[in-house]
Amino acid sequence: MKIHRIMLFLLTFRTLFLLQVVLALDFPIQWETISSLCSQVLMLHCNDGYVADGDERLCGSDGETYLNFCFYAQGRCRKPDTTMEYFGPCMNSSTVDLPDTISSTPPPRTTTQDIIVQVFCSQATLDSCPINLDPLCGTDGKFYRNECFFAIEKCSQTSLQTQELEMCSTVKHETTLLPSIFGKK
């Protein structure tokens, strides 16, 4: 268990720079894709497996104060109609401890989709993807084993989109097809 926590800790720091890039870019993803990420997000341990980037508390439209983006992403996956009202604890909650000081650092520019994507990208690994074969063709000309493998690649290639499978079946890509389908690069 201790080695698992260390690995998650190192993975989170390794992807911290990538997350800053993801937050700064427009990351258009359809809700269908976001909801497919939820199976991975719901398995995360938000108390000890997720490293928050500063104070990430936010108030949801359901009146709940979420302690970090990981808890919010899980809440959003469970209740898709929940949206983010504002950063900080919900004012109508009697169980929330309000901070004694106010941070002078503005919260990062983000959206509901960004938060789910951020949590997914910071925690997902190829080893955590299901092994079912449901290939997708990316606009980079590569096959991806399934939507999870594609979503992980999209974390680093934000402009990556899917296209018809036939677009990846040209002769020039045949040498990379088999490893890509099996999750290796």
Protein backbone atom coordinates (compact mmCIF):
# COMPACT_ATOMS: atom_id res chain seq x y z
CA MET A 1 0.00 0.00 0.00
CA LYS A 2 2.85 2.39 0.83
CA ILE A 3 4.51 1.79 -2.56
CA HIS A 4 1.15 2.40 -4.27
CA ARG A 5 0.82 5.78 -2.51
CA ILE A 6 4.37 6.75 -3.44
CA MET A 7 3.72 5.85 -7.08
CA LEU A 8 0.50 7.92 -7.10
CA PHE A 9 2.36 10.80 -5.46
CA LEU A 10 5.12 10.69 -8.10
CA LEU A 11 2.61 10.36 -10.93
CA THR A 12 0.76 13.43 -9.68
CA PHE A 13 3.90 15.56 -9.58
CA ARG A 14 5.01 14.26 -12.99
CA THR A 15 1.76 15.46 -14.50
CA LEU A 16 1.56 18.78 -12.62
CA PHE A 17 3.11 20.73 -15.50
CA LEU A 18 0.80 19.02 -17.96
CA LEU A 19 -2.18 19.98 -15.82
CA GLN A 20 -1.18 23.62 -15.86
CA VAL A 21 -1.19 23.44 -19.66
CA VAL A 22 -4.56 21.68 -19.71
CA LEU A 23 -6.10 24.33 -17.45
CA ALA A 24 -4.80 27.12 -19.65
CA LEU A 25 -6.16 25.67 -22.89
CA ASP A 26 -9.66 25.26 -24.17
CA PHE A 27 -10.26 21.52 -23.77
CA PRO A 28 -13.48 20.84 -25.67
CA ILE A 29 -14.78 17.40 -24.78
CA GLN A 30 -18.33 16.18 -25.23
CA TRP A 31 -20.25 15.06 -22.12
CA GLU A 32 -20.34 11.50 -23.52
CA THR A 33 -16.54 11.41 -23.35
CA ILE A 34 -16.49 13.02 -19.91
CA SER A 35 -18.97 10.47 -18.58
CA SER A 36 -16.77 7.65 -19.87
CA LEU A 37 -13.92 9.07 -17.78
CA CYS A 38 -16.12 8.86 -14.70
CA SER A 39 -15.56 5.15 -14.19
CA GLN A 40 -11.87 5.95 -13.67
CA VAL A 41 -12.49 9.10 -11.60
CA LEU A 42 -14.89 7.30 -9.24
CA MET A 43 -12.17 4.78 -8.31
CA LEU A 44 -9.76 7.50 -7.10
CA HIS A 45 -8.93 8.02 -3.43
CA CYS A 46 -9.45 11.77 -3.16
CA ASN A 47 -8.21 12.01 0.45
CA ASP A 48 -4.77 10.50 -0.05
CA GLY A 49 -4.25 9.75 -3.74
CA TYR A 50 -4.84 13.24 -5.13
CA VAL A 51 -2.55 16.23 -4.60
CA ALA A 52 -4.47 19.50 -4.68
CA ASP A 53 -2.92 22.56 -6.32
CA GLY A 54 -3.46 24.99 -3.45
CA ASP A 55 -6.92 25.59 -1.99
CA GLU A 56 -9.32 23.91 -4.40
CA ARG A 57 -12.45 24.12 -2.25
CA LEU A 58 -15.50 24.98 -4.28
CA CYS A 59 -19.23 25.26 -3.83
CA GLY A 60 -21.45 23.07 -5.98
CA SER A 61 -24.95 23.92 -7.15
CA ASP A 62 -26.14 21.10 -4.88
CA GLY A 63 -25.07 23.17 -1.84
CA GLU A 64 -22.15 20.86 -1.08
CA THR A 65 -18.66 22.17 -0.37
CA TYR A 66 -16.13 20.00 -2.20
CA LEU A 67 -12.70 19.94 -0.55
CA ASN A 68 -10.82 19.58 -3.85
CA PHE A 69 -11.32 19.06 -7.56
CA CYS A 70 -11.15 15.29 -7.13
CA PHE A 71 -14.16 15.23 -4.79
CA TYR A 72 -16.01 17.63 -7.09
CA ALA A 73 -15.27 15.49 -10.15
CA GLN A 74 -16.63 12.44 -8.32
CA GLY A 75 -19.71 14.40 -7.24
CA ARG A 76 -20.27 15.60 -10.80
CA CYS A 77 -19.96 12.04 -12.07
CA ARG A 78 -22.59 10.88 -9.55
CA LYS A 79 -24.89 13.88 -10.17
CA PRO A 80 -24.25 15.20 -13.72
CA ASP A 81 -26.56 18.18 -13.20
CA THR A 82 -24.28 19.55 -10.47
CA THR A 83 -22.32 22.61 -11.55
CA MET A 84 -19.71 24.75 -9.87
CA GLU A 85 -21.18 27.88 -8.28
CA TYR A 86 -17.96 29.53 -7.08
CA PHE A 87 -14.56 28.84 -5.54
CA GLY A 88 -14.55 28.56 -1.77
CA PRO A 89 -16.91 26.93 0.71
CA CYS A 90 -20.67 27.17 0.29
CA MET A 91 -21.98 30.00 2.44
CA ASN A 92 -25.22 28.17 3.25
CA SER A 93 -23.40 25.20 4.76
CA SER A 94 -23.26 25.12 8.55
CA THR A 95 -20.62 22.40 8.60
CA VAL A 96 -17.94 24.24 6.65
CA ASP A 97 -15.06 25.93 8.46
CA LEU A 98 -14.41 29.29 6.85
CA PRO A 99 -10.78 30.37 6.56
CA ASP A 100 -9.45 33.11 8.83
CA THR A 101 -7.65 34.79 5.94
CA ILE A 102 -8.50 35.37 2.33
CA SER A 103 -6.00 34.35 -0.32
CA SER A 104 -4.76 37.14 -2.57
CA THR A 105 -4.10 34.60 -5.34
CA PRO A 106 -7.03 34.36 -7.73
CA PRO A 107 -8.34 30.85 -8.39
CA PRO A 108 -7.31 29.26 -11.70
CA ARG A 109 -9.56 29.78 -14.72
CA THR A 110 -11.41 26.52 -15.08
CA THR A 111 -14.71 24.97 -16.01
CA THR A 112 -16.59 21.89 -14.89
CA GLN A 113 -15.20 19.93 -17.84
CA ASP A 114 -11.67 21.15 -17.05
CA ILE A 115 -11.94 19.84 -13.50
CA ILE A 116 -13.03 16.35 -14.53
CA VAL A 117 -10.36 16.27 -17.23
CA GLN A 118 -7.73 17.57 -14.79
CA VAL A 119 -8.52 14.88 -12.24
CA PHE A 120 -8.59 12.17 -14.91
CA CYS A 121 -5.33 13.32 -16.52
CA SER A 122 -3.52 13.59 -13.20
CA GLN A 123 -4.43 10.09 -12.07
CA ALA A 124 -5.04 7.89 -15.11
CA THR A 125 -2.41 5.49 -16.37
CA LEU A 126 -2.52 2.98 -19.19
CA ASP A 127 -2.51 0.28 -16.51
CA SER A 128 -5.79 1.65 -15.13
CA CYS A 129 -7.61 1.40 -18.48
CA PRO A 130 -9.88 -1.56 -19.19
CA ILE A 131 -8.41 -4.04 -21.65
CA ASN A 132 -11.50 -4.40 -23.84
CA LEU A 133 -10.82 -3.88 -27.54
CA ASP A 134 -13.01 -1.11 -28.97
CA PRO A 135 -10.54 0.67 -31.29
CA LEU A 136 -10.64 4.36 -32.08
CA CYS A 137 -8.69 6.17 -34.77
CA GLY A 138 -7.07 9.43 -33.75
CA THR A 139 -6.37 12.39 -35.99
CA ASP A 140 -2.70 11.62 -35.36
CA GLY A 141 -3.17 8.53 -37.55
CA LYS A 142 -2.84 6.09 -34.66
CA PHE A 143 -5.21 3.44 -33.38
CA TYR A 144 -6.16 3.47 -29.69
CA ARG A 145 -7.31 0.29 -27.96
CA ASN A 146 -10.42 1.94 -26.48
CA GLU A 147 -11.76 5.28 -25.31
CA CYS A 148 -9.69 5.23 -22.10
CA PHE A 149 -6.39 4.88 -23.99
CA PHE A 150 -7.53 7.66 -26.35
CA ALA A 151 -8.48 9.94 -23.43
CA ILE A 152 -5.06 9.48 -21.81
CA GLU A 153 -3.34 10.47 -25.06
CA LYS A 154 -5.67 13.48 -25.34
CA CYS A 155 -4.31 14.69 -22.00
CA SER A 156 -1.00 15.44 -23.75
CA GLN A 157 -2.37 16.12 -27.25
CA THR A 158 -5.31 18.41 -26.51
CA SER A 159 -6.16 18.91 -30.19
CA LEU A 160 -6.48 15.15 -30.79
CA GLN A 161 -9.87 14.09 -32.11
CA THR A 162 -11.33 10.83 -33.33
CA GLN A 163 -11.94 10.07 -36.97
CA GLU A 164 -13.25 7.16 -39.04
CA LEU A 165 -11.33 3.92 -38.45
CA GLU A 166 -10.51 3.72 -42.16
CA MET A 167 -8.37 6.86 -41.82
CA CYS A 168 -5.88 4.91 -39.68
CA SER A 169 -5.68 1.87 -41.93
CA THR A 170 -3.32 3.26 -44.56
CA VAL A 171 -0.09 1.43 -45.39
CA LYS A 172 2.17 4.15 -43.98
CA HIS A 173 0.87 3.54 -40.44
CA GLU A 174 0.86 -0.27 -40.41
CA THR A 175 4.07 -0.53 -38.40
CA THR A 176 2.59 1.46 -35.51
CA LEU A 177 -0.93 0.01 -35.52
CA LEU A 178 -0.40 -3.17 -33.53
CA PRO A 179 1.56 -1.60 -30.65
CA SER A 180 -0.94 1.29 -30.46
CA ILE A 181 -3.92 -1.03 -30.22
CA PHE A 182 -2.28 -2.89 -27.36
CA GLY A 183 -1.52 0.36 -25.51
CA LYS A 184 2.18 0.62 -26.23
CA LYS A 185 3.75 3.57 -27.97
